[in-house]
N, C-alpha and C. Protein backbone atom coordinates (compact mmCIF):
# COMPACT_ATOMS: atom_id res chain seq x y z
N MET A 1 70.74 70.44 120.62
CA MET A 1 71.20 70.14 121.91
C MET A 1 71.04 68.58 122.15
N THR A 2 72.23 67.96 122.59
CA THR A 2 72.32 66.62 122.46
C THR A 2 71.92 65.94 124.04
N ALA A 3 71.21 64.85 123.64
CA ALA A 3 70.76 64.40 125.19
C ALA A 3 71.81 63.73 125.93
N PRO A 4 71.93 63.68 127.34
CA PRO A 4 72.93 63.37 128.12
C PRO A 4 73.32 61.94 127.92
N SER A 5 74.58 61.68 128.00
CA SER A 5 74.89 60.24 127.80
C SER A 5 74.72 59.29 128.97
N VAL A 6 74.76 57.94 128.91
CA VAL A 6 74.48 57.16 129.93
C VAL A 6 75.40 57.52 131.23
N ALA A 7 76.79 57.83 130.95
CA ALA A 7 77.72 58.06 131.92
C ALA A 7 77.02 59.40 132.81
N GLU A 8 76.64 60.32 131.97
CA GLU A 8 76.19 61.63 132.51
C GLU A 8 74.80 61.39 133.33
N ARG A 9 73.97 60.33 132.90
CA ARG A 9 72.78 60.16 133.65
C ARG A 9 73.01 59.59 134.94
N LEU A 10 74.04 58.61 134.95
CA LEU A 10 74.33 57.84 136.11
C LEU A 10 75.50 58.52 137.01
N ALA A 11 75.79 59.91 136.36
CA ALA A 11 76.63 60.80 137.28
C ALA A 11 77.85 60.25 137.61
N LEU A 12 78.53 59.47 136.79
CA LEU A 12 79.78 58.96 136.89
C LEU A 12 80.97 59.96 136.85
N GLN A 13 81.79 60.14 137.57
CA GLN A 13 82.65 61.05 137.70
C GLN A 13 84.22 60.42 137.82
N PRO A 14 85.07 61.13 137.04
CA PRO A 14 86.55 60.78 137.24
C PRO A 14 87.17 60.30 138.39
N GLY A 15 87.69 59.00 138.50
CA GLY A 15 88.28 58.41 139.75
C GLY A 15 87.07 57.75 140.57
N THR A 16 86.03 57.66 140.35
CA THR A 16 85.18 56.98 141.15
C THR A 16 85.37 55.56 141.31
N ARG A 17 85.51 54.97 142.35
CA ARG A 17 85.66 53.54 142.52
C ARG A 17 84.39 52.81 142.22
N VAL A 18 84.09 51.95 141.12
CA VAL A 18 82.74 51.48 140.79
C VAL A 18 83.04 49.94 140.37
N TRP A 19 81.86 49.36 140.80
CA TRP A 19 81.94 48.04 140.54
C TRP A 19 80.49 47.66 139.49
N PHE A 20 80.73 47.00 138.55
CA PHE A 20 79.58 46.77 137.54
C PHE A 20 79.56 45.28 137.62
N ASP A 21 78.07 44.71 137.67
CA ASP A 21 77.78 43.56 137.91
C ASP A 21 76.37 43.12 137.27
N GLY A 22 76.27 42.42 136.19
CA GLY A 22 75.14 42.12 135.72
C GLY A 22 74.50 43.05 134.83
N VAL A 23 75.23 44.13 134.29
CA VAL A 23 74.55 45.27 133.72
C VAL A 23 74.55 45.07 132.31
N PRO A 24 73.51 45.24 131.61
CA PRO A 24 73.12 44.68 130.17
C PRO A 24 74.27 45.21 129.40
N ASP A 25 74.78 44.38 128.39
CA ASP A 25 75.87 44.86 127.33
C ASP A 25 75.48 46.28 126.82
N GLN A 26 74.23 46.29 126.44
CA GLN A 26 73.91 47.63 125.87
C GLN A 26 74.20 48.98 126.53
N VAL A 27 74.01 48.61 127.96
CA VAL A 27 74.08 49.92 128.89
C VAL A 27 75.70 50.14 129.08
N LEU A 28 76.27 48.80 129.34
CA LEU A 28 77.64 48.84 129.72
C LEU A 28 78.50 49.57 128.48
N GLY A 29 78.13 49.19 127.66
CA GLY A 29 78.81 49.62 126.18
C GLY A 29 78.73 51.11 125.82
N ALA A 30 77.77 51.66 126.74
CA ALA A 30 77.60 53.00 126.22
C ALA A 30 78.34 53.98 127.25
N ILE A 31 79.21 53.29 128.29
CA ILE A 31 80.00 53.95 129.21
C ILE A 31 81.32 53.66 128.80
N ASP A 32 82.20 54.95 128.62
CA ASP A 32 83.41 54.98 128.27
C ASP A 32 84.33 55.08 129.58
N ALA A 33 84.61 53.94 130.18
CA ALA A 33 85.09 53.86 131.59
C ALA A 33 86.57 54.49 131.48
N ASP A 34 87.38 54.11 130.36
CA ASP A 34 88.59 54.89 130.19
C ASP A 34 88.76 56.25 130.11
N ALA A 35 87.78 56.65 129.32
CA ALA A 35 87.67 58.23 129.16
C ALA A 35 87.05 58.89 130.48
N LEU A 36 86.34 58.26 131.01
CA LEU A 36 85.99 58.88 132.42
C LEU A 36 87.02 58.69 133.52
N GLN A 37 88.04 57.84 133.30
CA GLN A 37 89.04 57.45 134.29
C GLN A 37 88.30 57.00 135.68
N LEU A 38 87.56 55.94 135.34
CA LEU A 38 86.79 55.26 136.43
C LEU A 38 87.76 54.24 137.12
N ASP A 39 87.90 54.03 138.36
CA ASP A 39 88.68 53.15 138.98
C ASP A 39 87.66 51.86 139.11
N ILE A 40 87.56 50.95 138.14
CA ILE A 40 86.91 49.63 138.11
C ILE A 40 87.29 48.76 138.95
N GLU A 41 86.46 48.34 139.69
CA GLU A 41 86.89 47.09 140.40
C GLU A 41 86.27 45.72 139.82
N LEU A 42 87.08 44.85 140.17
CA LEU A 42 86.61 43.31 139.20
C LEU A 42 85.60 42.65 140.26
N ALA A 43 85.56 43.17 141.67
CA ALA A 43 84.74 42.23 142.54
C ALA A 43 84.23 43.57 143.52
N ALA A 44 83.09 43.21 143.86
CA ALA A 44 82.76 44.09 145.07
C ALA A 44 83.72 44.00 146.26
N THR A 45 84.26 45.17 146.54
CA THR A 45 85.23 45.27 147.63
C THR A 45 84.86 46.50 148.78
N ALA A 46 85.56 46.47 149.89
CA ALA A 46 85.29 47.55 150.74
C ALA A 46 85.62 48.75 150.17
N GLY A 47 84.91 49.76 150.38
CA GLY A 47 85.45 51.18 150.04
C GLY A 47 84.91 51.63 148.59
N LEU A 48 84.03 51.03 148.09
CA LEU A 48 83.33 51.20 146.90
C LEU A 48 82.63 52.69 146.99
N ASP A 49 82.79 53.49 145.93
CA ASP A 49 81.81 54.54 145.81
C ASP A 49 80.68 54.39 145.20
N LEU A 50 80.46 53.63 144.33
CA LEU A 50 79.26 53.11 143.54
C LEU A 50 79.30 51.82 143.12
N ALA A 51 78.24 51.18 142.79
CA ALA A 51 78.11 49.90 142.31
C ALA A 51 76.84 50.03 141.40
N VAL A 52 77.08 49.45 140.05
CA VAL A 52 76.02 49.64 138.94
C VAL A 52 75.74 48.00 138.82
N ILE A 53 74.63 47.68 139.22
CA ILE A 53 74.13 46.19 138.93
C ILE A 53 72.89 46.11 138.24
N GLY A 54 72.75 45.07 137.56
CA GLY A 54 71.49 44.46 136.86
C GLY A 54 70.75 44.08 137.76
N SER A 55 69.34 44.18 137.82
CA SER A 55 68.21 43.43 138.39
C SER A 55 68.29 42.10 138.11
N SER A 56 68.15 41.28 139.20
CA SER A 56 68.29 39.76 139.02
C SER A 56 67.83 39.16 140.33
N ASP A 57 67.48 37.65 140.22
CA ASP A 57 67.14 36.90 141.29
C ASP A 57 67.97 37.18 142.51
N SER A 58 69.33 37.28 142.35
CA SER A 58 70.25 37.58 143.46
C SER A 58 70.33 39.20 144.16
N LEU A 59 69.47 39.90 143.50
CA LEU A 59 69.51 41.35 143.91
C LEU A 59 69.79 41.31 145.45
N ALA A 60 68.83 40.80 146.30
CA ALA A 60 68.85 40.93 147.86
C ALA A 60 70.08 40.63 148.12
N LYS A 61 70.62 39.42 148.00
CA LYS A 61 71.94 39.17 148.30
C LYS A 61 73.05 40.00 148.03
N LYS A 62 73.18 40.72 146.86
CA LYS A 62 74.10 41.50 146.32
C LYS A 62 73.92 42.87 147.28
N LEU A 63 72.76 43.29 147.40
CA LEU A 63 72.53 44.45 148.18
C LEU A 63 73.04 44.37 149.56
N ASP A 64 72.65 43.21 150.26
CA ASP A 64 73.00 42.83 151.62
C ASP A 64 74.57 43.19 151.80
N ASP A 65 75.27 42.50 150.73
CA ASP A 65 76.73 42.63 150.76
C ASP A 65 77.31 43.96 150.53
N LEU A 66 76.65 44.70 149.53
CA LEU A 66 77.03 46.01 149.13
C LEU A 66 76.84 46.98 150.43
N ALA A 67 75.63 46.88 151.18
CA ALA A 67 75.57 47.74 152.28
C ALA A 67 76.77 47.87 153.17
N GLN A 68 77.46 46.67 153.28
CA GLN A 68 78.88 46.64 153.98
C GLN A 68 79.93 47.10 153.43
N LEU A 69 79.93 47.18 152.09
CA LEU A 69 81.13 47.46 151.37
C LEU A 69 81.26 48.91 150.93
N LEU A 70 80.16 49.63 150.73
CA LEU A 70 80.12 50.98 150.32
C LEU A 70 80.70 52.07 151.34
N GLN A 71 81.26 53.02 150.62
CA GLN A 71 81.73 54.25 151.41
C GLN A 71 80.51 54.83 152.13
N PRO A 72 80.47 55.62 153.16
CA PRO A 72 79.42 56.12 153.85
C PRO A 72 78.55 56.83 152.65
N ALA A 73 79.08 57.64 151.84
CA ALA A 73 78.24 58.33 150.88
C ALA A 73 77.96 57.51 149.57
N GLY A 74 78.35 56.24 149.53
CA GLY A 74 78.08 55.28 148.61
C GLY A 74 76.83 55.20 148.09
N ALA A 75 76.58 54.71 146.83
CA ALA A 75 75.30 54.39 146.30
C ALA A 75 75.26 53.32 145.27
N VAL A 76 74.22 52.88 144.96
CA VAL A 76 74.29 51.74 144.08
C VAL A 76 72.98 52.13 142.89
N TRP A 77 73.39 51.99 141.61
CA TRP A 77 72.36 52.17 140.59
C TRP A 77 71.88 50.74 140.09
N ILE A 78 70.46 50.38 140.18
CA ILE A 78 70.00 49.13 139.97
C ILE A 78 69.54 49.44 138.21
N VAL A 79 69.82 48.53 137.49
CA VAL A 79 69.45 48.65 136.03
C VAL A 79 68.56 47.61 135.76
N ALA A 80 67.46 47.96 135.15
CA ALA A 80 66.21 46.98 134.73
C ALA A 80 65.60 47.47 133.60
N GLY A 81 65.08 46.58 133.02
CA GLY A 81 64.25 46.92 131.52
C GLY A 81 62.92 47.48 131.84
N ASP A 82 62.26 48.14 130.86
CA ASP A 82 61.06 48.71 130.86
C ASP A 82 60.68 49.74 131.73
N THR A 83 60.61 49.48 133.09
CA THR A 83 60.36 50.46 134.10
C THR A 83 61.47 50.56 135.26
N ALA A 84 61.40 51.65 135.76
CA ALA A 84 62.53 51.79 136.97
C ALA A 84 61.91 50.98 138.18
N PRO A 85 63.12 50.53 138.69
CA PRO A 85 62.83 49.30 139.71
C PRO A 85 62.67 50.35 141.14
N ASP A 86 62.04 49.50 141.91
CA ASP A 86 61.55 50.11 143.30
C ASP A 86 62.94 49.91 144.18
N ALA A 87 62.98 50.86 145.13
CA ALA A 87 64.17 50.63 146.19
C ALA A 87 63.64 49.33 147.00
N PRO A 88 64.50 48.48 147.28
CA PRO A 88 64.20 47.23 148.05
C PRO A 88 64.04 47.76 149.60
N SER A 89 63.74 46.80 150.35
CA SER A 89 63.64 46.89 151.88
C SER A 89 64.99 47.43 152.38
N GLY A 90 64.96 48.50 153.34
CA GLY A 90 66.34 48.88 153.72
C GLY A 90 67.13 49.71 152.88
N TRP A 91 66.68 50.02 151.78
CA TRP A 91 67.24 51.05 150.91
C TRP A 91 66.41 52.30 150.57
N GLN A 92 66.73 53.42 150.16
CA GLN A 92 66.02 54.46 149.88
C GLN A 92 66.34 55.02 148.41
N ALA A 93 65.55 55.09 147.47
CA ALA A 93 65.65 55.52 146.20
C ALA A 93 65.86 57.09 146.25
N THR A 94 66.94 57.50 145.55
CA THR A 94 67.14 58.94 145.48
C THR A 94 67.01 59.54 144.18
N GLN A 95 66.99 58.57 142.85
CA GLN A 95 66.75 59.20 141.70
C GLN A 95 66.36 58.00 140.85
N SER A 96 65.73 58.16 139.69
CA SER A 96 65.45 57.32 138.63
C SER A 96 65.63 58.00 137.22
N VAL A 97 66.34 57.09 136.39
CA VAL A 97 66.62 57.70 135.05
C VAL A 97 66.31 56.83 134.13
N PRO A 98 65.97 57.21 132.79
CA PRO A 98 65.80 56.47 131.72
C PRO A 98 67.25 56.19 130.90
N LEU A 99 67.71 55.03 130.62
CA LEU A 99 68.83 54.97 129.87
C LEU A 99 68.36 54.59 128.43
N ASP A 100 69.61 54.42 127.56
CA ASP A 100 69.34 53.99 126.18
C ASP A 100 68.81 52.54 126.06
N HIS A 101 68.10 52.33 124.90
CA HIS A 101 67.60 51.06 124.53
C HIS A 101 66.55 50.43 125.37
N GLY A 102 65.72 51.30 126.11
CA GLY A 102 64.80 50.89 127.01
C GLY A 102 65.09 50.45 128.30
N TRP A 103 66.14 50.81 128.77
CA TRP A 103 66.66 50.47 130.22
C TRP A 103 66.63 51.62 131.07
N HIS A 104 66.34 51.37 132.48
CA HIS A 104 66.09 52.36 133.33
C HIS A 104 67.01 51.91 134.49
N ALA A 105 67.20 53.07 135.19
CA ALA A 105 68.11 52.78 136.45
C ALA A 105 67.51 53.55 137.66
N THR A 106 67.76 53.05 138.75
CA THR A 106 67.18 53.79 139.92
C THR A 106 68.48 53.65 140.95
N ARG A 107 68.80 54.88 141.41
CA ARG A 107 69.96 55.21 142.42
C ARG A 107 69.34 55.04 143.74
N ILE A 108 70.06 54.21 144.58
CA ILE A 108 69.63 53.78 145.92
C ILE A 108 70.65 53.99 146.82
N VAL A 109 70.48 54.41 148.01
CA VAL A 109 71.43 54.46 149.05
C VAL A 109 70.87 53.50 150.35
N VAL A 110 71.72 53.28 151.24
CA VAL A 110 71.23 52.71 152.38
C VAL A 110 70.37 53.54 153.25
N ALA A 111 69.39 53.05 153.66
CA ALA A 111 68.29 54.09 154.40
C ALA A 111 68.75 54.24 155.79
N ALA A 112 68.55 55.53 156.03
CA ALA A 112 69.04 55.86 157.44
C ALA A 112 68.26 55.34 158.43
N THR A 113 68.98 54.81 159.48
CA THR A 113 68.33 54.00 160.52
C THR A 113 67.97 55.31 161.69
N THR A 114 66.99 54.97 162.34
CA THR A 114 66.66 55.97 163.36
C THR A 114 66.85 55.24 165.00
N PRO A 115 67.82 55.87 165.66
CA PRO A 115 68.11 55.06 166.87
C PRO A 115 66.88 54.97 167.75
N SER A 116 66.66 53.82 168.38
CA SER A 116 65.63 53.51 169.22
C SER A 116 65.75 53.93 170.47
N GLY A 117 65.03 54.57 171.24
CA GLY A 117 65.35 54.88 172.51
C GLY A 117 64.21 55.14 173.39
């Protein structure tokens, strides 16, 4: 039995509008975007289904921007080395997976807000 591919671990589906930013070459190179028929965006734009981003000093700013650009059911995968990253404030982790070459990814979604009343 073969191990799931990086694309399978990230649940990448054909036709998904996805933006990759700061993803390590070892991870990005393991994803065959053409075979998956992904709709790759060159920049973060409104209506994204998914963003796959590397953990960086500008992570909070990227996530603030992405919260406004994602589809309502959209999500972000944060890729980091050694251990799975925690969900930042305002986001909720839904899944963490190990990737190839010692990388890990955490899937996050915008945290649901509770109306005050």
